[in-house]
Amino acid sequence: MECLRHSGYESAACRQSAMAYLECRMDRQLMANEPLEKLGFKDLINEKSEEKPEKS
């Protein structure tokens, strides 16, 4: 909620925080494990994998 207040209630600005929050809940078994793609974060997952340099 804090992110939404700071961003003028623009939800797109808080998607990274929302994804981290849901991952945390799934890690602690507070919600069922679901693929993040299914939860609407497919584009963020692709960005995340592109940021990581491949090890050679």
PDB file of N, CA and C in Angstrom:
ATOM      1  N   MET A   1       0.817  -1.194   0.000  1.00  0.00           N
ATOM      2  CA  MET A   1       0.000   0.000   0.000  1.00  0.00           C
ATOM      3  C   MET A   1       0.861   1.259   0.000  1.00  0.00           C
ATOM      4  N   GLU A   2       2.004   1.189   0.675  1.00  0.00           N
ATOM      5  CA  GLU A   2       2.870   2.366   0.730  1.00  0.00           C
ATOM      6  C   GLU A   2       3.348   2.754  -0.664  1.00  0.00           C
ATOM      7  N   CYS A   3       3.704   1.775  -1.464  1.00  0.00           N
ATOM      8  CA  CYS A   3       4.147   2.047  -2.832  1.00  0.00           C
ATOM      9  C   CYS A   3       3.044   2.749  -3.621  1.00  0.00           C
ATOM     10  N   LEU A   4       1.833   2.286  -3.468  1.00  0.00           N
ATOM     11  CA  LEU A   4       0.716   2.914  -4.184  1.00  0.00           C
ATOM     12  C   LEU A   4       0.518   4.367  -3.762  1.00  0.00           C
ATOM     13  N   ARG A   5       0.632   4.626  -2.481  1.00  0.00           N
ATOM     14  CA  ARG A   5       0.480   6.009  -2.014  1.00  0.00           C
ATOM     15  C   ARG A   5       1.567   6.904  -2.603  1.00  0.00           C
ATOM     16  N   HIS A   6       2.810   6.400  -2.609  1.00  0.00           N
ATOM     17  CA  HIS A   6       3.933   7.191  -3.116  1.00  0.00           C
ATOM     18  C   HIS A   6       3.865   7.396  -4.622  1.00  0.00           C
ATOM     19  N   SER A   7       3.248   6.482  -5.333  1.00  0.00           N
ATOM     20  CA  SER A   7       3.199   6.581  -6.796  1.00  0.00           C
ATOM     21  C   SER A   7       1.891   7.191  -7.293  1.00  0.00           C
ATOM     22  N   GLY A   8       1.126   7.761  -6.416  1.00  0.00           N
ATOM     23  CA  GLY A   8      -0.145   8.364  -6.821  1.00  0.00           C
ATOM     24  C   GLY A   8      -1.157   7.322  -7.252  1.00  0.00           C
ATOM     25  N   TYR A   9      -1.116   6.154  -6.608  1.00  0.00           N
ATOM     26  CA  TYR A   9      -2.029   5.043  -6.876  1.00  0.00           C
ATOM     27  C   TYR A   9      -1.918   4.531  -8.309  1.00  0.00           C
ATOM     28  N   GLU A  10      -0.716   4.624  -8.862  1.00  0.00           N
ATOM     29  CA  GLU A  10      -0.425   4.065 -10.184  1.00  0.00           C
ATOM     30  C   GLU A  10       0.134   2.659  -9.961  1.00  0.00           C
ATOM     31  N   SER A  11      -0.686   1.646 -10.190  1.00  0.00           N
ATOM     32  CA  SER A  11      -0.302   0.276  -9.849  1.00  0.00           C
ATOM     33  C   SER A  11       0.875  -0.242 -10.672  1.00  0.00           C
ATOM     34  N   ALA A  12       1.044   0.231 -11.884  1.00  0.00           N
ATOM     35  CA  ALA A  12       2.150  -0.240 -12.727  1.00  0.00           C
ATOM     36  C   ALA A  12       3.499   0.068 -12.092  1.00  0.00           C
ATOM     37  N   ALA A  13       3.576   1.142 -11.336  1.00  0.00           N
ATOM     38  CA  ALA A  13       4.833   1.524 -10.693  1.00  0.00           C
ATOM     39  C   ALA A  13       5.191   0.585  -9.541  1.00  0.00           C
ATOM     40  N   CYS A  14       4.250  -0.210  -9.083  1.00  0.00           N
ATOM     41  CA  CYS A  14       4.461  -1.070  -7.910  1.00  0.00           C
ATOM     42  C   CYS A  14       4.510  -2.553  -8.254  1.00  0.00           C
ATOM     43  N   ARG A  15       4.599  -2.893  -9.517  1.00  0.00           N
ATOM     44  CA  ARG A  15       4.539  -4.303  -9.901  1.00  0.00           C
ATOM     45  C   ARG A  15       5.713  -5.105  -9.356  1.00  0.00           C
ATOM     46  N   GLN A  16       6.920  -4.520  -9.323  1.00  0.00           N
ATOM     47  CA  GLN A  16       8.080  -5.233  -8.768  1.00  0.00           C
ATOM     48  C   GLN A  16       7.837  -5.568  -7.295  1.00  0.00           C
ATOM     49  N   SER A  17       7.330  -4.600  -6.552  1.00  0.00           N
ATOM     50  CA  SER A  17       7.041  -4.824  -5.131  1.00  0.00           C
ATOM     51  C   SER A  17       5.961  -5.882  -4.953  1.00  0.00           C
ATOM     52  N   ALA A  18       4.948  -5.836  -5.789  1.00  0.00           N
ATOM     53  CA  ALA A  18       3.861  -6.812  -5.703  1.00  0.00           C
ATOM     54  C   ALA A  18       4.375  -8.219  -5.994  1.00  0.00           C
ATOM     55  N   MET A  19       5.235  -8.338  -6.999  1.00  0.00           N
ATOM     56  CA  MET A  19       5.794  -9.644  -7.341  1.00  0.00           C
ATOM     57  C   MET A  19       6.650 -10.175  -6.186  1.00  0.00           C
ATOM     58  N   ALA A  20       7.479  -9.328  -5.594  1.00  0.00           N
ATOM     59  CA  ALA A  20       8.314  -9.741  -4.462  1.00  0.00           C
ATOM     60  C   ALA A  20       7.449 -10.161  -3.275  1.00  0.00           C
ATOM     61  N   TYR A  21       6.368  -9.436  -3.041  1.00  0.00           N
ATOM     62  CA  TYR A  21       5.451  -9.753  -1.947  1.00  0.00           C
ATOM     63  C   TYR A  21       4.825 -11.134  -2.152  1.00  0.00           C
ATOM     64  N   LEU A  22       4.355 -11.403  -3.362  1.00  0.00           N
ATOM     65  CA  LEU A  22       3.735 -12.702  -3.635  1.00  0.00           C
ATOM     66  C   LEU A  22       4.753 -13.828  -3.558  1.00  0.00           C
ATOM     67  N   GLU A  23       5.980 -13.594  -4.036  1.00  0.00           N
ATOM     68  CA  GLU A  23       7.029 -14.612  -3.920  1.00  0.00           C
ATOM     69  C   GLU A  23       7.302 -14.919  -2.454  1.00  0.00           C
ATOM     70  N   CYS A  24       7.359 -13.899  -1.629  1.00  0.00           N
ATOM     71  CA  CYS A  24       7.591 -14.071  -0.198  1.00  0.00           C
ATOM     72  C   CYS A  24       6.472 -14.898   0.433  1.00  0.00           C
ATOM     73  N   ARG A  25       5.235 -14.588   0.101  1.00  0.00           N
ATOM     74  CA  ARG A  25       4.096 -15.347   0.642  1.00  0.00           C
ATOM     75  C   ARG A  25       4.157 -16.813   0.226  1.00  0.00           C
ATOM     76  N   MET A  26       4.523 -17.062  -1.037  1.00  0.00           N
ATOM     77  CA  MET A  26       4.615 -18.449  -1.501  1.00  0.00           C
ATOM     78  C   MET A  26       5.777 -19.167  -0.825  1.00  0.00           C
ATOM     79  N   ASP A  27       6.916 -18.489  -0.650  1.00  0.00           N
ATOM     80  CA  ASP A  27       8.074 -19.094   0.014  1.00  0.00           C
ATOM     81  C   ASP A  27       7.750 -19.502   1.443  1.00  0.00           C
ATOM     82  N   ARG A  28       6.931 -18.727   2.110  1.00  0.00           N
ATOM     83  CA  ARG A  28       6.579 -19.000   3.503  1.00  0.00           C
ATOM     84  C   ARG A  28       5.293 -19.818   3.628  1.00  0.00           C
ATOM     85  N   GLN A  29       4.821 -20.301   2.498  1.00  0.00           N
ATOM     86  CA  GLN A  29       3.636 -21.146   2.409  1.00  0.00           C
ATOM     87  C   GLN A  29       2.399 -20.481   3.019  1.00  0.00           C
ATOM     88  N   LEU A  30       2.280 -19.183   2.779  1.00  0.00           N
ATOM     89  CA  LEU A  30       1.090 -18.447   3.206  1.00  0.00           C
ATOM     90  C   LEU A  30       0.055 -18.394   2.096  1.00  0.00           C
ATOM     91  N   MET A  31       0.457 -18.856   0.927  1.00  0.00           N
ATOM     92  CA  MET A  31      -0.474 -18.984  -0.200  1.00  0.00           C
ATOM     93  C   MET A  31       0.030 -20.123  -1.071  1.00  0.00           C
ATOM     94  N   ALA A  32      -0.832 -20.643  -1.896  1.00  0.00           N
ATOM     95  CA  ALA A  32      -0.457 -21.743  -2.779  1.00  0.00           C
ATOM     96  C   ALA A  32       0.588 -21.273  -3.784  1.00  0.00           C
ATOM     97  N   ASN A  33       1.533 -22.158  -4.091  1.00  0.00           N
ATOM     98  CA  ASN A  33       2.535 -21.838  -5.103  1.00  0.00           C
ATOM     99  C   ASN A  33       1.880 -21.794  -6.470  1.00  0.00           C
ATOM    100  N   GLU A  34       2.078 -20.694  -7.148  1.00  0.00           N
ATOM    101  CA  GLU A  34       1.577 -20.493  -8.504  1.00  0.00           C
ATOM    102  C   GLU A  34       2.719 -19.930  -9.328  1.00  0.00           C
ATOM    103  N   PRO A  35       2.801 -20.313 -10.590  1.00  0.00           N
ATOM    104  CA  PRO A  35       3.811 -19.680 -11.443  1.00  0.00           C
ATOM    105  C   PRO A  35       3.523 -18.182 -11.543  1.00  0.00           C
ATOM    106  N   LEU A  36       4.578 -17.379 -11.449  1.00  0.00           N
ATOM    107  CA  LEU A  36       4.386 -15.929 -11.513  1.00  0.00           C
ATOM    108  C   LEU A  36       3.816 -15.496 -12.857  1.00  0.00           C
ATOM    109  N   GLU A  37       4.072 -16.286 -13.888  1.00  0.00           N
ATOM    110  CA  GLU A  37       3.491 -15.981 -15.199  1.00  0.00           C
ATOM    111  C   GLU A  37       1.967 -16.011 -15.121  1.00  0.00           C
ATOM    112  N   LYS A  38       1.459 -16.975 -14.372  1.00  0.00           N
ATOM    113  CA  LYS A  38       0.012 -17.133 -14.229  1.00  0.00           C
ATOM    114  C   LYS A  38      -0.599 -15.985 -13.416  1.00  0.00           C
ATOM    115  N   LEU A  39       0.223 -15.351 -12.587  1.00  0.00           N
ATOM    116  CA  LEU A  39      -0.246 -14.246 -11.757  1.00  0.00           C
ATOM    117  C   LEU A  39      -0.078 -12.893 -12.446  1.00  0.00           C
ATOM    118  N   GLY A  40       0.357 -12.925 -13.709  1.00  0.00           N
ATOM    119  CA  GLY A  40       0.432 -11.687 -14.484  1.00  0.00           C
ATOM    120  C   GLY A  40       1.783 -11.006 -14.504  1.00  0.00           C
ATOM    121  N   PHE A  41       2.839 -11.731 -14.149  1.00  0.00           N
ATOM    122  CA  PHE A  41       4.163 -11.127 -14.087  1.00  0.00           C
ATOM    123  C   PHE A  41       5.115 -11.663 -15.150  1.00  0.00           C
ATOM    124  N   LYS A  42       4.584 -12.200 -16.240  1.00  0.00           N
ATOM    125  CA  LYS A  42       5.430 -12.792 -17.275  1.00  0.00           C
ATOM    126  C   LYS A  42       6.436 -11.783 -17.824  1.00  0.00           C
ATOM    127  N   ASP A  43       6.007 -10.560 -18.065  1.00  0.00           N
ATOM    128  CA  ASP A  43       6.909  -9.548 -18.614  1.00  0.00           C
ATOM    129  C   ASP A  43       8.028  -9.196 -17.637  1.00  0.00           C
ATOM    130  N   LEU A  44       7.752  -9.170 -16.349  1.00  0.00           N
ATOM    131  CA  LEU A  44       8.785  -8.857 -15.367  1.00  0.00           C
ATOM    132  C   LEU A  44       9.779  -9.995 -15.220  1.00  0.00           C
ATOM    133  N   ILE A  45       9.319 -11.221 -15.369  1.00  0.00           N
ATOM    134  CA  ILE A  45      10.213 -12.371 -15.277  1.00  0.00           C
ATOM    135  C   ILE A  45      11.177 -12.364 -16.452  1.00  0.00           C
ATOM    136  N   ASN A  46      10.683 -12.032 -17.642  1.00  0.00           N
ATOM    137  CA  ASN A  46      11.555 -11.951 -18.813  1.00  0.00           C
ATOM    138  C   ASN A  46      12.603 -10.866 -18.630  1.00  0.00           C
ATOM    139  N   GLU A  47      12.231  -9.718 -18.086  1.00  0.00           N
ATOM    140  CA  GLU A  47      13.176  -8.638 -17.826  1.00  0.00           C
ATOM    141  C   GLU A  47      14.222  -9.076 -16.816  1.00  0.00           C
ATOM    142  N   LYS A  48      13.801  -9.796 -15.793  1.00  0.00           N
ATOM    143  CA  LYS A  48      14.696 -10.254 -14.735  1.00  0.00           C
ATOM    144  C   LYS A  48      15.762 -11.184 -15.305  1.00  0.00           C
ATOM    145  N   SER A  49      15.367 -12.113 -16.188  1.00  0.00           N
ATOM    146  CA  SER A  49      16.324 -13.057 -16.758  1.00  0.00           C
ATOM    147  C   SER A  49      17.254 -12.372 -17.750  1.00  0.00           C
ATOM    148  N   GLU A  50      16.807 -11.319 -18.421  1.00  0.00           N
ATOM    149  CA  GLU A  50      17.663 -10.584 -19.348  1.00  0.00           C
ATOM    150  C   GLU A  50      18.709  -9.765 -18.609  1.00  0.00           C
ATOM    151  N   GLU A  51      18.414  -9.323 -17.391  1.00  0.00           N
ATOM    152  CA  GLU A  51      19.350  -8.524 -16.612  1.00  0.00           C
ATOM    153  C   GLU A  51      20.523  -9.354 -16.117  1.00  0.00           C
ATOM    154  N   LYS A  52      20.310 -10.634 -15.861  1.00  0.00           N
ATOM    155  CA  LYS A  52      21.368 -11.491 -15.347  1.00  0.00           C
ATOM    156  C   LYS A  52      22.315 -11.872 -16.477  1.00  0.00           C
ATOM    157  N   PRO A  53      23.599 -11.548 -16.345  1.00  0.00           N
ATOM    158  CA  PRO A  53      24.550 -11.974 -17.378  1.00  0.00           C
ATOM    159  C   PRO A  53      24.778 -13.480 -17.292  1.00  0.00           C
ATOM    160  N   GLU A  54      24.914 -14.092 -18.445  1.00  0.00           N
ATOM    161  CA  GLU A  54      25.137 -15.532 -18.477  1.00  0.00           C
ATOM    162  C   GLU A  54      26.570 -15.833 -18.096  1.00  0.00           C
ATOM    163  N   LYS A  55      26.757 -16.890 -17.309  1.00  0.00           N
ATOM    164  CA  LYS A  55      28.101 -17.304 -16.903  1.00  0.00           C
ATOM    165  C   LYS A  55      28.705 -18.165 -17.996  1.00  0.00           C
ATOM    166  N   SER A  56      29.968 -17.913 -18.311  1.00  0.00           N
ATOM    167  CA  SER A  56      30.655 -18.720 -19.324  1.00  0.00           C
ATOM    168  C   SER A  56      31.760 -19.524 -18.707  1.00  0.00           C
TER     169      SER A  56
END
